[in-house]
Amino acid sequence: GQPEWFTVQGGRWLSSTRWAGTIYRNTGPFFAGPGYDPRRVLVQSAGTAVLDFRQVPGTEGEARFTYTVNGATTTKTITRFRF
């Protein structure tokens, strides 16, 4: 019943097409609320994330986003948004 935000921070390039970083779980009170107390904000490591930009014919503009949170791994294909 409590909101959680997940952020990926402090990553590094593993190769010219692969990037990895740590996923953090962020919880706490609403920042714009009257009772906001920054001491109640909790940031903890929750897993890992990898972006793989390797290109194979027919997949130009796509990348794979693989993340693991609490031991569960998920892979999503993400697509470049063209303006």
N, C-alpha and C. Protein backbone atom coordinates (compact mmCIF):
# COMPACT_ATOMS: atom_id res chain seq x y z
N GLY A 1 0.79 -1.20 0.00
CA GLY A 1 0.00 0.00 0.00
C GLY A 1 0.83 1.27 0.00
N GLN A 2 2.15 1.17 0.02
CA GLN A 2 3.00 2.36 0.01
C GLN A 2 3.69 2.49 -1.35
N PRO A 3 3.76 3.71 -1.89
CA PRO A 3 4.42 3.88 -3.19
C PRO A 3 5.92 3.65 -3.09
N GLU A 4 6.47 3.11 -4.15
CA GLU A 4 7.91 2.91 -4.27
C GLU A 4 8.36 3.43 -5.62
N TRP A 5 9.54 4.00 -5.66
CA TRP A 5 10.15 4.45 -6.90
C TRP A 5 11.44 3.68 -7.07
N PHE A 6 11.70 3.25 -8.28
CA PHE A 6 12.95 2.56 -8.57
C PHE A 6 13.77 3.42 -9.52
N THR A 7 15.04 3.61 -9.20
CA THR A 7 15.93 4.41 -10.03
C THR A 7 17.18 3.60 -10.33
N VAL A 8 17.79 3.90 -11.47
CA VAL A 8 19.06 3.26 -11.84
C VAL A 8 20.11 4.35 -11.76
N GLN A 9 21.15 4.09 -10.96
CA GLN A 9 22.17 5.11 -10.72
C GLN A 9 23.57 4.53 -10.83
N GLY A 10 24.50 5.41 -11.12
CA GLY A 10 25.91 5.09 -11.04
C GLY A 10 26.41 3.96 -11.92
N GLY A 11 25.83 3.80 -13.09
CA GLY A 11 26.23 2.71 -13.96
C GLY A 11 27.56 2.94 -14.65
N ARG A 12 27.96 1.94 -15.43
CA ARG A 12 29.20 2.05 -16.20
C ARG A 12 29.06 1.23 -17.47
N TRP A 13 29.84 1.60 -18.46
CA TRP A 13 29.86 0.88 -19.72
C TRP A 13 30.72 -0.37 -19.56
N LEU A 14 30.16 -1.53 -19.88
CA LEU A 14 30.89 -2.79 -19.84
C LEU A 14 31.57 -3.06 -21.18
N SER A 15 31.00 -2.50 -22.23
CA SER A 15 31.56 -2.58 -23.58
C SER A 15 31.00 -1.39 -24.35
N SER A 16 31.26 -1.33 -25.64
CA SER A 16 30.76 -0.20 -26.43
C SER A 16 29.26 -0.26 -26.65
N THR A 17 28.61 -1.39 -26.35
CA THR A 17 27.17 -1.54 -26.58
C THR A 17 26.40 -2.00 -25.34
N ARG A 18 27.09 -2.14 -24.19
CA ARG A 18 26.43 -2.70 -23.00
C ARG A 18 26.75 -1.84 -21.78
N TRP A 19 25.67 -1.42 -21.08
CA TRP A 19 25.79 -0.58 -19.90
C TRP A 19 25.10 -1.28 -18.74
N ALA A 20 25.64 -1.17 -17.53
CA ALA A 20 25.04 -1.79 -16.35
C ALA A 20 25.08 -0.82 -15.18
N GLY A 21 24.05 -0.91 -14.32
CA GLY A 21 23.97 -0.06 -13.14
C GLY A 21 23.19 -0.73 -12.04
N THR A 22 23.19 -0.10 -10.88
CA THR A 22 22.47 -0.60 -9.72
C THR A 22 21.09 0.02 -9.66
N ILE A 23 20.09 -0.79 -9.34
CA ILE A 23 18.73 -0.31 -9.14
C ILE A 23 18.54 -0.03 -7.64
N TYR A 24 17.96 1.12 -7.34
CA TYR A 24 17.68 1.49 -5.96
C TYR A 24 16.17 1.64 -5.76
N ARG A 25 15.69 1.17 -4.62
CA ARG A 25 14.29 1.35 -4.21
C ARG A 25 14.25 2.59 -3.32
N ASN A 26 13.34 3.51 -3.66
CA ASN A 26 13.21 4.76 -2.92
C ASN A 26 11.81 4.83 -2.33
N THR A 27 11.71 4.99 -1.04
CA THR A 27 10.41 5.09 -0.37
C THR A 27 10.45 6.24 0.62
N GLY A 28 9.28 6.74 0.99
CA GLY A 28 9.21 7.81 1.98
C GLY A 28 7.98 8.67 1.76
N PRO A 29 7.89 9.73 2.53
CA PRO A 29 6.72 10.61 2.43
C PRO A 29 6.74 11.44 1.16
N PHE A 30 5.58 11.92 0.78
CA PHE A 30 5.44 12.80 -0.38
C PHE A 30 6.28 14.06 -0.18
N PHE A 31 7.16 14.36 -1.14
CA PHE A 31 8.13 15.45 -0.97
C PHE A 31 7.50 16.83 -0.86
N ALA A 32 6.30 17.02 -1.42
CA ALA A 32 5.67 18.33 -1.39
C ALA A 32 4.58 18.41 -0.32
N GLY A 33 4.46 17.37 0.48
CA GLY A 33 3.43 17.36 1.53
C GLY A 33 3.84 18.18 2.73
N PRO A 34 2.85 18.59 3.52
CA PRO A 34 3.15 19.43 4.69
C PRO A 34 3.97 18.69 5.75
N GLY A 35 3.89 17.37 5.78
CA GLY A 35 4.62 16.62 6.79
C GLY A 35 5.90 16.00 6.27
N TYR A 36 6.45 16.52 5.17
CA TYR A 36 7.65 15.92 4.60
C TYR A 36 8.82 16.00 5.57
N ASP A 37 9.44 14.85 5.78
CA ASP A 37 10.62 14.77 6.64
C ASP A 37 11.67 13.96 5.90
N PRO A 38 12.76 14.59 5.43
CA PRO A 38 13.75 13.86 4.63
C PRO A 38 14.40 12.70 5.39
N ARG A 39 14.32 12.70 6.71
CA ARG A 39 14.88 11.59 7.49
C ARG A 39 14.08 10.31 7.31
N ARG A 40 12.84 10.43 6.80
CA ARG A 40 12.00 9.25 6.58
C ARG A 40 12.16 8.67 5.18
N VAL A 41 12.98 9.31 4.34
CA VAL A 41 13.24 8.81 2.99
C VAL A 41 14.26 7.67 3.09
N LEU A 42 13.91 6.54 2.48
CA LEU A 42 14.79 5.37 2.51
C LEU A 42 15.20 5.02 1.10
N VAL A 43 16.50 4.91 0.87
CA VAL A 43 17.05 4.50 -0.42
C VAL A 43 17.89 3.26 -0.17
N GLN A 44 17.52 2.15 -0.83
CA GLN A 44 18.27 0.91 -0.63
C GLN A 44 18.48 0.19 -1.95
N SER A 45 19.60 -0.50 -2.06
CA SER A 45 19.90 -1.28 -3.25
C SER A 45 18.83 -2.36 -3.42
N ALA A 46 18.34 -2.50 -4.66
CA ALA A 46 17.27 -3.47 -4.90
C ALA A 46 17.59 -4.45 -6.01
N GLY A 47 18.65 -4.19 -6.80
CA GLY A 47 18.96 -5.10 -7.89
C GLY A 47 19.91 -4.48 -8.90
N THR A 48 19.87 -5.01 -10.12
CA THR A 48 20.76 -4.55 -11.18
C THR A 48 19.97 -4.32 -12.47
N ALA A 49 20.54 -3.51 -13.35
CA ALA A 49 19.93 -3.23 -14.64
C ALA A 49 21.02 -3.26 -15.71
N VAL A 50 20.67 -3.77 -16.89
CA VAL A 50 21.59 -3.80 -18.02
C VAL A 50 20.86 -3.31 -19.26
N LEU A 51 21.48 -2.38 -19.98
CA LEU A 51 20.99 -1.94 -21.29
C LEU A 51 21.94 -2.50 -22.33
N ASP A 52 21.40 -3.23 -23.29
CA ASP A 52 22.20 -3.85 -24.34
C ASP A 52 21.77 -3.26 -25.68
N PHE A 53 22.68 -2.49 -26.29
CA PHE A 53 22.40 -1.79 -27.55
C PHE A 53 22.93 -2.54 -28.76
N ARG A 54 23.32 -3.80 -28.61
CA ARG A 54 23.82 -4.57 -29.75
C ARG A 54 22.80 -4.57 -30.87
N GLN A 55 23.26 -4.35 -32.08
CA GLN A 55 22.35 -4.29 -33.22
C GLN A 55 22.53 -5.52 -34.11
N VAL A 56 21.42 -6.10 -34.46
CA VAL A 56 21.40 -7.17 -35.46
C VAL A 56 20.46 -6.71 -36.56
N PRO A 57 20.66 -7.15 -37.77
CA PRO A 57 19.79 -6.69 -38.87
C PRO A 57 18.31 -6.84 -38.52
N GLY A 58 17.57 -5.77 -38.77
CA GLY A 58 16.14 -5.77 -38.51
C GLY A 58 15.76 -5.24 -37.13
N THR A 59 16.75 -4.96 -36.28
CA THR A 59 16.44 -4.46 -34.93
C THR A 59 17.03 -3.08 -34.68
N GLU A 60 17.33 -2.35 -35.73
CA GLU A 60 17.88 -1.01 -35.59
C GLU A 60 16.91 -0.15 -34.77
N GLY A 61 17.45 0.64 -33.85
CA GLY A 61 16.61 1.50 -33.02
C GLY A 61 16.03 0.79 -31.80
N GLU A 62 16.42 -0.45 -31.57
CA GLU A 62 15.94 -1.20 -30.41
C GLU A 62 17.10 -1.52 -29.47
N ALA A 63 16.77 -1.77 -28.22
CA ALA A 63 17.74 -2.22 -27.23
C ALA A 63 17.02 -3.17 -26.28
N ARG A 64 17.79 -3.94 -25.56
CA ARG A 64 17.21 -4.83 -24.54
C ARG A 64 17.52 -4.25 -23.16
N PHE A 65 16.48 -4.15 -22.34
CA PHE A 65 16.61 -3.69 -20.96
C PHE A 65 16.31 -4.87 -20.06
N THR A 66 17.33 -5.35 -19.36
CA THR A 66 17.18 -6.49 -18.47
C THR A 66 17.42 -6.01 -17.05
N TYR A 67 16.49 -6.34 -16.16
CA TYR A 67 16.66 -5.92 -14.77
C TYR A 67 16.29 -7.05 -13.82
N THR A 68 16.94 -7.04 -12.68
CA THR A 68 16.68 -8.01 -11.62
C THR A 68 16.38 -7.24 -10.35
N VAL A 69 15.20 -7.49 -9.78
CA VAL A 69 14.80 -6.88 -8.52
C VAL A 69 14.29 -7.99 -7.62
N ASN A 70 14.82 -8.08 -6.42
CA ASN A 70 14.43 -9.11 -5.46
C ASN A 70 14.54 -10.52 -6.04
N GLY A 71 15.55 -10.76 -6.86
CA GLY A 71 15.80 -12.08 -7.41
C GLY A 71 14.99 -12.43 -8.66
N ALA A 72 14.07 -11.58 -9.07
CA ALA A 72 13.26 -11.84 -10.27
C ALA A 72 13.82 -11.03 -11.44
N THR A 73 14.15 -11.73 -12.54
CA THR A 73 14.74 -11.08 -13.71
C THR A 73 13.69 -10.92 -14.80
N THR A 74 13.69 -9.74 -15.43
CA THR A 74 12.77 -9.43 -16.52
C THR A 74 13.56 -8.78 -17.64
N THR A 75 13.23 -9.12 -18.89
CA THR A 75 13.85 -8.48 -20.05
C THR A 75 12.75 -7.85 -20.90
N LYS A 76 12.97 -6.61 -21.28
CA LYS A 76 12.04 -5.87 -22.13
C LYS A 76 12.80 -5.33 -23.34
N THR A 77 12.15 -5.33 -24.47
CA THR A 77 12.69 -4.66 -25.64
C THR A 77 12.19 -3.23 -25.62
N ILE A 78 13.12 -2.29 -25.71
CA ILE A 78 12.73 -0.88 -25.75
C ILE A 78 13.07 -0.34 -27.14
N THR A 79 12.29 0.63 -27.58
CA THR A 79 12.43 1.17 -28.93
C THR A 79 12.69 2.65 -28.88
N ARG A 80 13.58 3.09 -29.74
CA ARG A 80 13.89 4.50 -29.85
C ARG A 80 12.63 5.28 -30.23
N PHE A 81 12.39 6.37 -29.53
CA PHE A 81 11.25 7.23 -29.82
C PHE A 81 11.71 8.30 -30.79
N ARG A 82 11.15 8.31 -31.97
CA ARG A 82 11.52 9.31 -32.98
C ARG A 82 10.58 10.48 -32.94
N PHE A 83 11.16 11.69 -32.99
CA PHE A 83 10.36 12.91 -32.99
C PHE A 83 9.97 13.26 -34.39
